[in-house]
Amino acid sequence: MQAENLKWPALIAQFLAYAVCALSVVSALSLGVWMLLYMQMAESPVLLGISSLAVLLRNVLFLISALAVIIWVYMAHANMHRAKLEGLNFSSAWAAFSFLVPIANLWFPYAAMRELANRSAGEPPEFAGSEVSAVSSWWSSWVGTMVVGVIIAYTIAVALVPGLFMTTPFMATQAILVLGNVLLAAAAYFLARVISAVTADQRQGFNMASVFE
């Protein structure tokens, strides 16, 4: 039996990931152009409005996409367990919900996704932890996004403390926002590629053992 159960969850997760990517690019470009115009004293509020709207829509889709990705990850790992692959290091539940566990989500989702990509492609257990370029690109971009998010949150939190006057230069803050958008766009793009590759491998059956057939 081939893993056809991933077809629609994968399509939904990919669509949402590409939508998040596109909206992040729109926000980054519009804010970047606004910064250039601002330095020339010709800023346009329309560009700020476009950037803000793109971020608003992106954040809504991001929350929905997070659920879609967790479901897809759970189902993809469950397929491997149902196929009785030997040497699996992650349960379906831990692979999926480790995204939501603080501290643990800095490593385990990446390791689980790497195992998923390698074993779905037919790699033996000893190569489950081998590097997969798309997975590494996704994770490095996502970790960068989280770091930028922490910096932005810290800046906002400090500004809210009564009697504490510490400010980040205005243009530096805007540049950080642009960087965050770019990193999130990259993370969403590479995640969509990983989902596509893993789904294709599982639907076609393993290259070595054809355990899904």
Protein backbone atom coordinates (compact mmCIF):
# COMPACT_ATOMS: atom_id res chain seq x y z
CA MET A 1 0.00 0.00 0.00
CA GLN A 2 1.38 3.41 -0.95
CA ALA A 3 1.06 6.34 1.45
CA GLU A 4 -1.72 8.17 -0.39
CA ASN A 5 -3.03 9.53 2.91
CA LEU A 6 -0.43 12.34 2.71
CA LYS A 7 -1.69 13.79 -0.57
CA TRP A 8 -4.23 16.33 0.70
CA PRO A 9 -2.53 17.20 4.02
CA ALA A 10 0.65 17.88 2.03
CA LEU A 11 -1.14 20.03 -0.56
CA ILE A 12 -2.81 22.10 2.16
CA ALA A 13 0.43 22.51 4.14
CA GLN A 14 2.38 23.45 1.00
CA PHE A 15 -0.23 25.97 -0.13
CA LEU A 16 -0.21 27.66 3.27
CA ALA A 17 3.59 27.63 3.44
CA TYR A 18 3.88 29.26 0.02
CA ALA A 19 1.23 31.82 1.02
CA VAL A 20 3.23 32.68 4.16
CA CYS A 21 6.34 32.94 1.99
CA ALA A 22 4.67 35.26 -0.53
CA LEU A 23 3.16 37.55 2.11
CA SER A 24 6.49 37.75 3.93
CA VAL A 25 8.20 38.76 0.68
CA VAL A 26 5.52 41.42 0.03
CA SER A 27 5.99 42.80 3.54
CA ALA A 28 9.78 42.82 3.27
CA LEU A 29 9.79 44.52 -0.13
CA SER A 30 7.21 47.16 0.74
CA LEU A 31 8.92 47.97 4.04
CA GLY A 32 12.34 47.99 2.38
CA VAL A 33 11.21 50.40 -0.32
CA TRP A 34 9.55 52.57 2.33
CA MET A 35 12.86 52.74 4.22
CA LEU A 36 14.68 53.89 1.09
CA LEU A 37 12.07 56.56 0.46
CA TYR A 38 12.13 57.58 4.12
CA MET A 39 15.87 58.24 3.96
CA GLN A 40 15.17 60.48 0.96
CA MET A 41 12.38 62.19 2.91
CA ALA A 42 9.78 60.93 0.43
CA GLU A 43 8.21 58.11 2.43
CA SER A 44 4.83 56.73 1.39
CA PRO A 45 2.23 55.69 4.00
CA VAL A 46 0.74 53.40 1.35
CA LEU A 47 3.81 51.17 1.51
CA LEU A 48 3.55 50.95 5.28
CA GLY A 49 -0.10 50.04 4.91
CA ILE A 50 0.73 47.28 2.41
CA SER A 51 3.43 45.92 4.70
CA SER A 52 1.16 45.97 7.74
CA LEU A 53 -1.70 44.28 5.88
CA ALA A 54 0.64 41.62 4.51
CA VAL A 55 1.95 40.92 8.02
CA LEU A 56 -1.58 40.70 9.42
CA LEU A 57 -2.68 38.21 6.75
CA ARG A 58 0.62 36.34 7.06
CA ASN A 59 0.24 35.92 10.81
CA VAL A 60 -3.27 34.51 10.44
CA LEU A 61 -2.14 32.06 7.76
CA PHE A 62 0.95 31.19 9.78
CA LEU A 63 -1.17 29.98 12.70
CA ILE A 64 -3.30 27.88 10.36
CA SER A 65 -0.23 26.55 8.55
CA ALA A 66 1.39 25.56 11.87
CA LEU A 67 -1.55 23.27 12.57
CA ALA A 68 -1.45 21.88 9.02
CA VAL A 69 2.28 21.16 9.27
CA ILE A 70 1.93 19.45 12.66
CA ILE A 71 -0.81 17.20 11.23
CA TRP A 72 1.33 16.40 8.18
CA VAL A 73 4.40 15.61 10.31
CA TYR A 74 2.34 13.32 12.54
CA MET A 75 0.86 11.45 9.58
CA ALA A 76 4.20 11.13 7.76
CA HIS A 77 5.91 9.67 10.84
CA ALA A 78 2.91 7.43 11.50
CA ASN A 79 3.31 6.03 7.98
CA MET A 80 6.88 5.00 8.76
CA HIS A 81 5.84 3.33 12.01
CA ARG A 82 2.93 1.59 10.29
CA ALA A 83 5.38 0.30 7.68
CA LYS A 84 7.41 -1.13 10.60
CA LEU A 85 10.69 0.54 9.68
CA GLU A 86 13.45 -0.46 12.06
CA GLY A 87 15.54 1.96 14.09
CA LEU A 88 13.13 4.93 14.19
CA ASN A 89 14.13 7.42 16.87
CA PHE A 90 10.95 9.49 17.08
CA SER A 91 7.35 8.59 17.78
CA SER A 92 4.70 10.23 15.63
CA ALA A 93 3.43 12.29 18.57
CA TRP A 94 6.85 13.53 19.68
CA ALA A 95 7.92 14.40 16.14
CA ALA A 96 4.78 16.51 15.69
CA PHE A 97 4.32 18.12 19.09
CA SER A 98 7.99 18.81 19.83
CA PHE A 99 7.40 21.99 17.81
CA LEU A 100 5.32 23.25 20.73
CA VAL A 101 7.71 22.40 23.58
CA PRO A 102 9.96 25.29 24.66
CA ILE A 103 13.70 24.61 24.53
CA ALA A 104 13.07 21.17 22.99
CA ASN A 105 11.74 22.91 19.88
CA LEU A 106 15.22 24.29 19.23
CA TRP A 107 16.47 20.86 18.14
CA PHE A 108 14.03 17.95 18.12
CA PRO A 109 11.78 19.09 15.24
CA TYR A 110 14.87 19.45 13.06
CA ALA A 111 16.23 16.04 14.03
CA ALA A 112 12.82 14.42 13.51
CA MET A 113 12.38 16.06 10.12
CA ARG A 114 15.85 14.96 9.07
CA GLU A 115 15.03 11.38 10.01
CA LEU A 116 11.70 11.65 8.20
CA ALA A 117 13.33 12.90 5.00
CA ASN A 118 16.11 10.32 5.00
CA ARG A 119 14.06 7.28 5.90
CA SER A 120 11.24 8.23 3.52
CA ALA A 121 13.85 8.40 0.76
CA GLY A 122 14.88 4.83 1.58
CA GLU A 123 18.01 5.51 3.63
CA PRO A 124 18.94 2.82 6.20
CA PRO A 125 18.76 3.57 9.97
CA GLU A 126 22.45 4.48 10.22
CA PHE A 127 21.90 7.38 7.80
CA ALA A 128 18.74 8.69 9.44
CA GLY A 129 20.67 11.64 10.86
CA SER A 130 22.48 12.54 7.64
CA GLU A 131 22.23 16.12 6.47
CA VAL A 132 19.44 16.97 4.04
CA SER A 133 20.05 20.33 2.37
CA ALA A 134 16.41 21.44 2.21
CA VAL A 135 15.82 20.45 5.84
CA SER A 136 18.97 22.27 6.98
CA SER A 137 18.02 25.38 4.99
CA TRP A 138 14.52 25.32 6.46
CA TRP A 139 15.73 24.94 10.01
CA SER A 140 18.52 27.52 9.86
CA SER A 141 16.06 30.05 8.41
CA TRP A 142 13.47 29.20 11.05
CA VAL A 143 15.95 29.50 13.93
CA GLY A 144 17.03 32.86 12.49
CA THR A 145 13.38 33.91 12.42
CA MET A 146 12.97 32.96 16.08
CA VAL A 147 16.10 34.89 17.05
CA VAL A 148 14.84 38.00 15.26
CA GLY A 149 11.47 37.55 16.96
CA VAL A 150 13.15 37.46 20.37
CA ILE A 151 15.09 40.64 19.56
CA ILE A 152 11.91 42.44 18.49
CA ALA A 153 10.02 41.21 21.57
CA TYR A 154 12.88 42.35 23.82
CA THR A 155 12.90 45.78 22.22
CA ILE A 156 9.15 46.16 22.75
CA ALA A 157 9.31 44.84 26.33
CA VAL A 158 12.10 47.25 27.32
CA ALA A 159 10.18 50.18 25.88
CA LEU A 160 7.20 49.27 28.09
CA VAL A 161 9.17 49.32 31.37
CA PRO A 162 8.31 52.54 33.29
CA GLY A 163 11.29 54.76 33.92
CA LEU A 164 13.60 52.79 31.65
CA PHE A 165 14.71 54.77 28.64
CA MET A 166 16.50 52.52 26.19
CA THR A 167 15.73 52.88 22.55
CA THR A 168 16.78 51.07 19.41
CA PRO A 169 17.52 53.35 16.45
CA PHE A 170 14.35 53.63 14.36
CA MET A 171 15.92 52.49 11.09
CA ALA A 172 17.65 49.60 12.85
CA THR A 173 14.27 48.39 14.10
CA GLN A 174 12.83 48.57 10.59
CA ALA A 175 15.83 46.70 9.19
CA ILE A 176 15.32 43.95 11.79
CA LEU A 177 11.68 43.67 10.72
CA VAL A 178 12.74 43.31 7.07
CA LEU A 179 15.27 40.65 8.04
CA GLY A 180 12.62 38.77 9.99
CA ASN A 181 10.33 38.77 6.97
CA VAL A 182 13.09 37.52 4.68
CA LEU A 183 14.06 34.70 7.05
CA LEU A 184 10.44 33.62 7.52
CA ALA A 185 9.91 33.64 3.74
CA ALA A 186 12.97 31.40 3.33
CA ALA A 187 11.84 29.06 6.11
CA ALA A 188 8.36 28.70 4.59
CA TYR A 189 9.78 28.10 1.12
CA PHE A 190 12.21 25.37 2.19
CA LEU A 191 9.57 23.76 4.41
CA ALA A 192 7.25 23.50 1.40
CA ARG A 193 10.07 21.80 -0.52
CA VAL A 194 10.67 19.31 2.30
CA ILE A 195 6.95 18.50 2.48
CA SER A 196 6.85 17.98 -1.28
CA ALA A 197 9.91 15.69 -1.33
CA VAL A 198 8.88 13.54 1.64
CA THR A 199 5.32 13.20 0.37
CA ALA A 200 6.53 12.18 -3.09
CA ASP A 201 8.88 9.58 -1.58
CA GLN A 202 6.19 8.07 0.61
CA ARG A 203 3.58 8.04 -2.14
CA GLN A 204 5.98 6.31 -4.52
CA GLY A 205 7.28 3.86 -1.94
CA PHE A 206 10.79 3.59 -0.56
CA ASN A 207 13.57 3.43 -3.12
CA MET A 208 15.23 0.51 -1.33
CA ALA A 209 12.51 -1.58 0.29
CA SER A 210 9.22 -0.29 -1.16
CA VAL A 211 7.65 -0.66 2.28
CA PHE A 212 4.67 1.47 1.31
CA GLU A 213 3.70 -0.86 -1.52
